[in-house]
Protein backbone atom coordinates (compact mmCIF):
# COMPACT_ATOMS: atom_id res chain seq x y z
CA UNK A 1 0.00 0.00 0.00
CA UNK A 2 1.19 3.52 -0.84
CA UNK A 3 0.03 6.69 0.90
CA UNK A 4 0.60 10.33 -0.06
CA UNK A 5 0.02 13.35 2.17
CA UNK A 6 -0.34 16.59 0.20
CA UNK A 7 0.51 19.31 2.70
CA UNK A 8 0.77 23.08 2.88
CA UNK A 9 3.99 22.84 4.89
CA UNK A 10 6.98 20.72 5.82
CA UNK A 11 6.18 19.65 9.41
CA UNK A 12 9.70 19.37 10.84
CA UNK A 13 10.65 20.47 13.42
CA UNK A 14 7.33 19.74 15.13
CA UNK A 15 7.31 23.00 17.10
CA UNK A 16 3.61 23.97 16.80
CA UNK A 17 0.40 22.01 17.25
CA UNK A 18 -0.39 21.47 13.57
CA UNK A 19 3.07 20.04 12.95
CA UNK A 20 2.78 17.75 15.97
CA UNK A 21 -0.42 16.23 14.60
CA UNK A 22 1.03 15.89 11.11
CA UNK A 23 4.28 14.27 12.26
CA UNK A 24 2.20 11.86 14.33
CA UNK A 25 0.21 10.94 11.22
CA UNK A 26 3.44 10.49 9.28
CA UNK A 27 4.92 8.33 12.04
CA UNK A 28 1.81 6.12 11.99
CA UNK A 29 2.04 5.56 8.23
CA UNK A 30 5.78 4.91 8.36
CA UNK A 31 5.33 2.37 11.16
CA UNK A 32 2.35 0.70 9.49
CA UNK A 33 3.15 0.60 5.77
CA UNK A 34 6.92 1.36 5.90
CA UNK A 35 8.70 4.66 5.07
CA UNK A 36 9.36 3.51 1.50
CA UNK A 37 5.64 3.56 0.77
CA UNK A 38 4.86 6.94 2.31
CA UNK A 39 5.20 10.15 0.26
CA UNK A 40 5.07 13.66 1.72
CA UNK A 41 4.14 16.30 -0.86
CA UNK A 42 5.06 19.75 0.43
CA UNK A 43 6.18 23.23 -0.72
CA UNK A 44 9.79 23.32 -1.83
CA UNK A 45 10.47 26.35 0.40
CA UNK A 46 9.75 24.35 3.56
CA UNK A 47 12.16 21.44 3.05
CA UNK A 48 15.27 22.61 4.89
CA UNK A 49 14.99 20.52 8.09
CA UNK A 50 15.74 16.81 7.99
CA UNK A 51 13.45 14.21 9.56
CA UNK A 52 14.14 10.82 11.10
CA UNK A 53 11.41 8.86 9.31
CA UNK A 54 13.21 8.56 5.96
CA UNK A 55 10.04 8.73 3.89
CA UNK A 56 9.97 10.02 0.31
CA UNK A 57 9.67 13.76 -0.32
CA UNK A 58 7.95 15.33 -3.33
CA UNK A 59 7.94 19.11 -3.64
CA UNK A 60 5.93 21.76 -5.46
CA UNK A 61 6.39 25.52 -5.88
CA UNK A 62 3.97 27.90 -4.18
CA UNK A 63 2.17 30.65 -6.14
CA UNK A 64 4.06 33.93 -6.57
CA UNK A 65 3.16 37.06 -4.60
CA UNK A 66 1.54 38.59 -7.66
CA UNK A 67 -0.54 35.46 -8.24
CA UNK A 68 -1.73 35.56 -4.62
CA UNK A 69 -2.87 39.18 -4.94
CA UNK A 70 -4.73 38.41 -8.19
CA UNK A 71 -6.39 35.41 -6.57
CA UNK A 72 -7.54 37.42 -3.56
CA UNK A 73 -8.98 40.13 -5.80
CA UNK A 74 -10.64 37.76 -8.28
CA UNK A 75 -11.61 34.57 -6.40
CA UNK A 76 -12.18 36.06 -2.93
CA UNK A 77 -13.33 39.66 -3.40
CA UNK A 78 -15.14 39.51 -6.76
CA UNK A 79 -16.32 35.92 -7.31
CA UNK A 80 -16.46 35.03 -3.58
CA UNK A 81 -15.74 31.39 -4.40
CA UNK A 82 -12.52 30.95 -2.41
CA UNK A 83 -11.51 31.99 1.06
CA UNK A 84 -8.35 34.04 1.45
CA UNK A 85 -6.38 31.04 2.63
CA UNK A 86 -7.46 29.03 -0.42
CA UNK A 87 -6.53 31.90 -2.76
CA UNK A 88 -3.06 32.11 -1.23
CA UNK A 89 -2.36 28.49 -2.19
CA UNK A 90 -4.11 28.30 -5.55
CA UNK A 91 -2.68 28.40 -9.08
CA UNK A 92 -2.85 26.44 -12.31
CA UNK A 93 0.87 25.81 -11.99
CA UNK A 94 0.40 24.12 -8.62
CA UNK A 95 -2.42 22.04 -10.13
CA UNK A 96 -0.10 20.82 -12.89
CA UNK A 97 2.68 20.05 -10.42
CA UNK A 98 0.36 18.08 -8.13
CA UNK A 99 -1.08 16.09 -11.05
CA UNK A 100 2.38 14.98 -12.15
CA UNK A 101 3.30 13.95 -8.60
CA UNK A 102 0.04 12.02 -8.17
CA UNK A 103 0.57 10.23 -11.49
CA UNK A 104 4.11 9.26 -10.49
CA UNK A 105 3.16 7.97 -7.03
CA UNK A 106 -0.05 6.09 -7.96
CA UNK A 107 -1.09 6.02 -4.29
CA UNK A 108 -3.81 3.94 -2.66
CA UNK A 109 -4.64 6.73 -0.20
CA UNK A 110 -4.17 10.49 -0.69
CA UNK A 111 -4.59 12.75 2.34
CA UNK A 112 -5.22 16.43 1.53
CA UNK A 113 -4.13 18.92 4.19
CA UNK A 114 -7.10 21.24 5.01
CA UNK A 115 -9.27 23.14 2.53
CA UNK A 116 -6.13 24.85 1.20
CA UNK A 117 -5.16 21.61 -0.57
CA UNK A 118 -8.64 20.09 -0.63
CA UNK A 119 -9.71 22.74 -3.17
CA UNK A 120 -7.60 20.91 -5.78
CA UNK A 121 -9.55 17.63 -5.68
CA UNK A 122 -12.06 18.58 -8.44
CA UNK A 123 -9.13 19.63 -10.67
CA UNK A 124 -7.09 16.46 -10.26
CA UNK A 125 -7.32 12.90 -11.54
CA UNK A 126 -6.43 10.82 -8.46
CA UNK A 127 -7.12 7.52 -10.21
CA UNK A 128 -7.84 4.61 -7.88
CA UNK A 129 -6.83 6.48 -4.74
CA UNK A 130 -9.09 6.90 -1.74
CA UNK A 131 -9.18 10.63 -1.06
CA UNK A 132 -9.18 11.86 2.55
CA UNK A 133 -9.51 15.47 3.74
CA UNK A 134 -7.66 16.32 6.96
CA UNK A 135 -9.43 19.44 8.17
CA UNK A 136 -7.56 19.77 11.49
CA UNK A 137 -10.09 22.23 13.02
CA UNK A 138 -13.07 24.03 11.54
CA UNK A 139 -11.37 27.32 10.75
CA UNK A 140 -14.75 29.02 10.40
CA UNK A 141 -15.42 28.23 14.07
CA UNK A 142 -11.93 29.44 14.99
CA UNK A 143 -12.47 32.78 13.24
CA UNK A 144 -15.81 33.31 14.99
CA UNK A 145 -13.99 32.71 18.27
CA UNK A 146 -11.42 35.33 17.31
CA UNK A 147 -14.18 37.86 16.54
CA UNK A 148 -15.65 37.33 20.01
CA UNK A 149 -12.19 37.75 21.51
CA UNK A 150 -11.72 41.09 19.75
CA UNK A 151 -14.68 42.40 21.74
CA UNK A 152 -13.27 41.38 25.13
CA UNK A 153 -12.47 44.38 27.35
CA UNK A 154 -9.13 42.87 28.38
CA UNK A 155 -7.93 42.56 24.79
CA UNK A 156 -4.49 44.20 24.58
CA UNK A 157 -3.11 43.18 21.22
CA UNK A 158 -3.99 40.88 18.38
CA UNK A 159 -2.33 39.48 15.30
CA UNK A 160 -4.95 37.26 13.62
CA UNK A 161 -2.41 36.05 11.05
CA UNK A 162 -0.32 34.17 13.61
CA UNK A 163 2.20 31.78 12.08
CA UNK A 164 0.21 31.92 8.79
CA UNK A 165 1.62 35.43 8.24
CA UNK A 166 4.44 34.26 5.96
CA UNK A 167 1.89 33.22 3.31
CA UNK A 168 0.18 36.63 3.19
CA UNK A 169 1.47 39.19 0.65
CA UNK A 170 3.73 41.68 2.42
CA UNK A 171 1.74 44.69 1.26
CA UNK A 172 -1.39 43.49 3.13
CA UNK A 173 0.15 42.53 6.47
CA UNK A 174 0.36 45.97 8.19
CA UNK A 175 -3.32 46.77 7.57
CA UNK A 176 -4.48 43.40 8.89
CA UNK A 177 -2.28 43.53 12.00
CA UNK A 178 -2.85 47.16 12.98
CA UNK A 179 -6.55 47.97 12.73
CA UNK A 180 -9.13 46.08 14.81
CA UNK A 181 -12.05 47.10 12.57
CA UNK A 182 -10.16 45.63 9.59
CA UNK A 183 -9.57 42.45 11.58
CA UNK A 184 -13.25 42.09 12.46
CA UNK A 185 -14.39 42.68 8.89
CA UNK A 186 -11.76 40.35 7.51
CA UNK A 187 -12.42 37.56 10.01
CA UNK A 188 -16.18 37.79 9.48
CA UNK A 189 -15.82 37.70 5.69
CA UNK A 190 -13.26 34.90 5.80
CA UNK A 191 -15.33 32.87 8.25
CA UNK A 192 -18.30 32.83 5.87
CA UNK A 193 -16.20 31.82 2.88
CA UNK A 194 -14.32 29.17 4.86
CA UNK A 195 -17.56 27.68 6.22
CA UNK A 196 -18.84 27.44 2.64
CA UNK A 197 -15.66 25.63 1.52
CA UNK A 198 -15.59 23.35 4.58
CA UNK A 199 -19.16 22.29 3.91
CA UNK A 200 -18.76 21.77 0.15
CA UNK A 201 -15.42 19.97 0.38
CA UNK A 202 -16.66 17.71 3.19
CA UNK A 203 -19.44 16.61 0.82
CA UNK A 204 -16.92 15.89 -1.98
CA UNK A 205 -14.47 13.81 0.04
CA UNK A 206 -15.55 10.33 1.16
CA UNK A 207 -13.64 10.76 4.44
CA UNK A 208 -13.06 13.86 6.55
CA UNK A 209 -10.86 14.10 9.65
CA UNK A 210 -11.29 16.53 12.55
CA UNK A 211 -9.51 16.53 15.90
CA UNK A 212 -12.42 17.92 17.92
CA UNK A 213 -15.49 15.72 18.50
CA UNK A 214 -17.92 18.66 18.76
CA UNK A 215 -16.65 20.10 15.48
CA UNK A 216 -16.93 16.68 13.85
CA UNK A 217 -20.59 16.57 14.88
CA UNK A 218 -21.10 20.07 13.50
CA UNK A 219 -19.54 19.16 10.16
CA UNK A 220 -21.76 16.09 9.94
CA UNK A 221 -24.79 18.31 10.50
CA UNK A 222 -23.63 20.37 7.49
CA UNK A 223 -23.81 17.24 5.33
CA UNK A 224 -20.17 16.14 5.56
CA UNK A 225 -19.51 12.56 4.45
CA UNK A 226 -17.56 10.05 6.54
CA UNK A 227 -16.61 12.49 9.30
CA UNK A 228 -14.11 10.93 11.72
CA UNK A 229 -12.73 12.15 15.03
CA UNK A 230 -8.97 12.06 14.52
CA UNK A 231 -7.14 12.11 17.89
CA UNK A 232 -3.52 13.28 17.73
CA UNK A 233 -0.82 10.59 17.80
CA UNK A 234 1.67 12.41 19.99
CA UNK A 235 4.04 9.72 21.17
CA UNK A 236 4.90 6.31 19.81
CA UNK A 237 5.54 5.08 23.36
CA UNK A 238 3.95 5.71 26.74
CA UNK A 239 6.46 7.56 28.88
CA UNK A 240 6.78 6.28 32.45
CA UNK A 241 5.24 8.23 35.28
CA UNK A 242 8.30 9.83 36.87
CA UNK A 243 7.63 13.34 38.15
CA UNK A 244 10.52 15.10 39.87
CA UNK A 245 8.55 18.04 41.31
CA UNK A 246 9.88 19.13 44.73
CA UNK A 247 7.01 21.42 45.77
CA UNK A 248 8.55 24.44 44.08
CA UNK A 249 6.05 27.12 42.89
CA UNK A 250 7.11 26.69 39.26
CA UNK A 251 4.37 26.68 36.63
CA UNK A 252 4.55 26.28 32.85
CA UNK A 253 2.84 27.98 29.93
CA UNK A 254 3.47 26.05 26.71
CA UNK A 255 2.67 27.05 23.13
CA UNK A 256 3.74 28.97 20.05
CA UNK A 257 3.72 32.64 20.95
CA UNK A 258 2.86 33.70 17.41
CA UNK A 259 -0.44 31.80 17.65
CA UNK A 260 -3.18 34.36 18.39
CA UNK A 261 -4.98 32.55 21.23
CA UNK A 262 -1.68 31.89 23.01
CA UNK A 263 -0.23 35.38 22.57
CA UNK A 264 -3.34 37.32 23.55
CA UNK A 265 -4.29 35.09 26.47
CA UNK A 266 -0.80 35.03 27.99
CA UNK A 267 -0.35 38.81 27.81
CA UNK A 268 -3.75 39.38 29.38
CA UNK A 269 -3.07 36.83 32.13
CA UNK A 270 0.29 38.36 33.07
CA UNK A 271 -0.93 41.94 32.89
CA UNK A 272 -4.23 41.58 34.75
CA UNK A 273 -3.79 38.58 37.05
CA UNK A 274 -0.13 37.96 37.83
CA UNK A 275 0.10 40.87 40.33
CA UNK A 276 -2.63 39.22 42.42
CA UNK A 277 -0.98 35.81 42.13
CA UNK A 278 2.34 37.24 43.37
CA UNK A 279 0.55 38.48 46.49
CA UNK A 280 -0.60 34.91 47.19
CA UNK A 281 2.64 33.18 46.08
CA UNK A 282 5.49 35.76 46.22
CA UNK A 283 8.11 33.40 44.75
CA UNK A 284 5.94 32.03 41.95
CA UNK A 285 7.75 31.39 38.67
CA UNK A 286 6.01 30.99 35.30
CA UNK A 287 8.21 29.42 32.65
CA UNK A 288 6.97 30.36 29.18
CA UNK A 289 8.00 27.75 26.61
CA UNK A 290 7.35 28.82 23.04
CA UNK A 291 8.98 30.63 20.17
CA UNK A 292 8.35 33.98 18.46
CA UNK A 293 7.17 36.14 21.39
CA UNK A 294 5.82 39.57 20.41
CA UNK A 295 7.69 42.71 21.43
CA UNK A 296 4.72 43.66 23.63
CA UNK A 297 5.03 40.41 25.59
CA UNK A 298 8.79 40.85 26.06
CA UNK A 299 8.20 44.39 27.32
CA UNK A 300 5.46 43.25 29.67
CA UNK A 301 7.51 40.53 31.38
CA UNK A 302 10.18 43.10 32.26
CA UNK A 303 7.77 44.21 35.00
CA UNK A 304 8.02 40.75 36.59
CA UNK A 305 11.69 39.70 36.31
CA UNK A 306 11.46 37.36 39.31
CA UNK A 307 8.19 35.73 38.30
CA UNK A 308 8.15 35.20 34.51
CA UNK A 309 10.81 33.74 32.26
CA UNK A 310 10.48 33.52 28.46
CA UNK A 311 12.53 30.49 27.41
CA UNK A 312 11.70 30.11 23.72
CA UNK A 313 11.49 26.78 21.96
CA UNK A 314 12.78 23.81 23.98
CA UNK A 315 13.81 20.66 22.11
CA UNK A 316 12.93 18.28 24.96
CA UNK A 317 10.14 19.01 27.41
CA UNK A 318 11.01 16.18 29.78
CA UNK A 319 12.86 18.20 32.44
CA UNK A 320 10.47 21.15 32.14
CA UNK A 321 7.25 19.17 32.57
CA UNK A 322 8.51 16.54 35.00
CA UNK A 323 9.70 19.19 37.46
CA UNK A 324 6.83 21.73 37.25
CA UNK A 325 3.99 22.11 39.72
CA UNK A 326 1.35 22.50 36.99
CA UNK A 327 0.62 23.79 33.51
CA UNK A 328 -1.40 26.97 33.02
CA UNK A 329 -3.75 27.17 30.03
CA UNK A 330 -5.71 30.42 30.61
CA UNK A 331 -6.99 30.75 27.06
CA UNK A 332 -9.57 33.44 26.33
CA UNK A 333 -10.57 31.95 22.98
CA UNK A 334 -9.62 29.20 20.57
CA UNK A 335 -10.94 26.14 18.79
CA UNK A 336 -9.99 22.51 18.33
CA UNK A 337 -7.99 20.34 20.71
CA UNK A 338 -5.08 21.98 22.56
CA UNK A 339 -2.11 19.64 22.20
CA UNK A 340 -0.35 21.30 25.14
CA UNK A 341 -3.13 19.92 27.35
CA UNK A 342 -2.63 16.38 26.06
CA UNK A 343 1.14 16.85 26.46
CA UNK A 344 0.65 17.71 30.12
CA UNK A 345 -1.61 14.69 30.64
CA UNK A 346 1.06 12.41 29.20
CA UNK A 347 3.51 13.63 31.87
CA UNK A 348 0.97 13.45 34.67
CA UNK A 349 1.33 17.21 35.05
CA UNK A 350 -1.67 18.90 36.71
CA UNK A 351 -3.45 21.48 34.58
CA UNK A 352 -5.38 24.65 35.35
CA UNK A 353 -7.31 25.65 32.22
CA UNK A 354 -10.32 27.50 30.89
CA UNK A 355 -12.92 25.64 28.86
CA UNK A 356 -11.02 26.70 25.73
CA UNK A 357 -7.89 25.03 27.10
CA UNK A 358 -9.55 21.62 27.48
CA UNK A 359 -11.85 21.78 24.46
CA UNK A 360 -12.10 18.36 22.87
CA UNK A 361 -10.36 16.61 25.80
CA UNK A 362 -12.53 14.29 27.92
CA UNK A 363 -11.63 15.68 31.35
CA UNK A 364 -13.96 15.07 34.30
CA UNK A 365 -16.41 17.72 35.41
CA UNK A 366 -15.36 17.39 39.06
CA UNK A 367 -11.76 18.71 38.74
CA UNK A 368 -10.42 15.21 39.42
CA UNK A 369 -7.94 15.01 36.53
CA UNK A 370 -7.78 18.66 35.48
CA UNK A 371 -8.81 21.93 37.14
CA UNK A 372 -11.20 23.76 34.81
CA UNK A 373 -11.56 27.40 35.84
CA UNK A 374 -12.88 30.19 33.61
CA UNK A 375 -12.52 32.92 36.25
CA UNK A 376 -8.87 33.89 35.82
CA UNK A 377 -8.92 35.84 39.09
CA UNK A 378 -9.17 32.46 40.88
CA UNK A 379 -6.03 31.01 39.33
CA UNK A 380 -3.88 32.21 42.22
CA UNK A 381 -5.97 30.23 44.71
CA UNK A 382 -5.79 27.06 42.60
CA UNK A 383 -2.06 27.48 42.10
CA UNK A 384 -1.57 27.81 45.87
CA UNK A 385 -3.71 24.72 46.45
CA UNK A 386 -1.59 22.72 43.99
CA UNK A 387 1.48 23.43 46.10
CA UNK A 388 0.03 20.90 48.55
CA UNK A 389 1.82 17.67 47.67
CA UNK A 390 -1.09 15.30 48.34
CA UNK A 391 -3.58 17.36 46.33
CA UNK A 392 -1.08 17.80 43.50
CA UNK A 393 -0.22 14.12 43.28
CA UNK A 394 -3.91 13.12 43.29
CA UNK A 395 -4.62 15.32 40.26
CA UNK A 396 -1.37 14.15 38.68
CA UNK A 397 -2.16 10.44 38.90
CA UNK A 398 -5.68 10.94 37.54
CA UNK A 399 -4.45 13.02 34.60
CA UNK A 400 -1.90 10.35 33.69
CA UNK A 401 -4.60 7.66 33.75
CA UNK A 402 -6.78 9.81 31.49
CA UNK A 403 -3.92 9.97 28.99
CA UNK A 404 -3.42 6.19 29.09
CA UNK A 405 -7.12 5.59 28.44
CA UNK A 406 -7.60 8.09 25.64
CA UNK A 407 -4.31 9.04 23.96
CA UNK A 408 -1.71 6.32 24.45
CA UNK A 409 -0.06 4.46 21.59
CA UNK A 410 -2.29 1.40 21.28
CA UNK A 411 -5.64 3.19 21.40
CA UNK A 412 -4.59 5.84 18.87
CA UNK A 413 -3.02 3.39 16.42
CA UNK A 414 -6.13 1.21 16.57
CA UNK A 415 -8.26 4.26 15.78
CA UNK A 416 -6.03 5.25 12.84
CA UNK A 417 -6.07 1.73 11.41
CA UNK A 418 -9.85 1.77 11.56
CA UNK A 419 -10.09 5.19 9.85
CA UNK A 420 -7.64 4.37 7.05
CA UNK A 421 -8.64 0.68 6.79
CA UNK A 422 -5.03 -0.48 7.02
């Protein structure tokens, strides 16, 4: 059996959530059908980092900046048939390149990465292949969440482009990043077009994959065919339970700092709530693990030199998560499953999170395996309570068991084999 994944990016290093899910999918295919029979199709500009799976790479060239601007004007603004993100990845040249690659591979299964690549299905002859659309999240739901966040009184800054910014023509970026009214109009317009594409593509593909169960149910209600809940395959092995926490008041925030829900939520949390937390726990330390912090965040943490440390991207999280008291996930908005939450569960690390931080994760309603708290002013009290060793270890053990039941190697691989019929 041969499998091809047509992606919008090269997913190594796996330093953001999307890449973590994709590398897990790749690892599954390489383990199940062998690396020689797996083909990753990705933009040629994203191929600089080597991977350890030794699968076969096929590359295509992205549309030029001029082509992107024409697409946005014609297909998005005038015809209203493509969302902005689809227009940024669309061209006849890419279609021709993908067709040649598909003909050469002659795959049994072709996985298309989100609506950005799914838009090409009607233009391609995929032969005998079974076509699968990996939607990740419903971006239309994510954009509606962003619009609501823009109206929050505590909103300090916002870059809705996040790590997608590199695909947007340079001339458009300042206007999108600077003006909130432009952001609201753009997000509202894009959300409608994306929802239209998500619905139509989900009807064209025989199988559609979403990480979040609630979003999978929503897509099914829109008429999507073969909608599957696709849990992330994070680790090929269950790590042993071996926490090294010594009752220190050290907490962790984990996530890409150029991702809007992470950046906005963290800045708001530090600015509005950390002063109160310091009064309760004077020697509290929040380790922020994530790359690409905004200048506003770096300036803000200067006010708390003894209580916040921006550490950037960390290759191995073992020491960080084994030794921490808990993970903080005080998200003000978002969509889909937060991989940082599942990461913490896999280490048996207690979590304090808003509903957005545990969305799509089957935590208990009684704060037995995760503390769910939407009132950020109460985080200080929960953090102080977690400094009690017995309480901390009780939450820790329960969170680890939740991971074993829902996200460990055997259960995820069995689910993937069922979805892909391998």
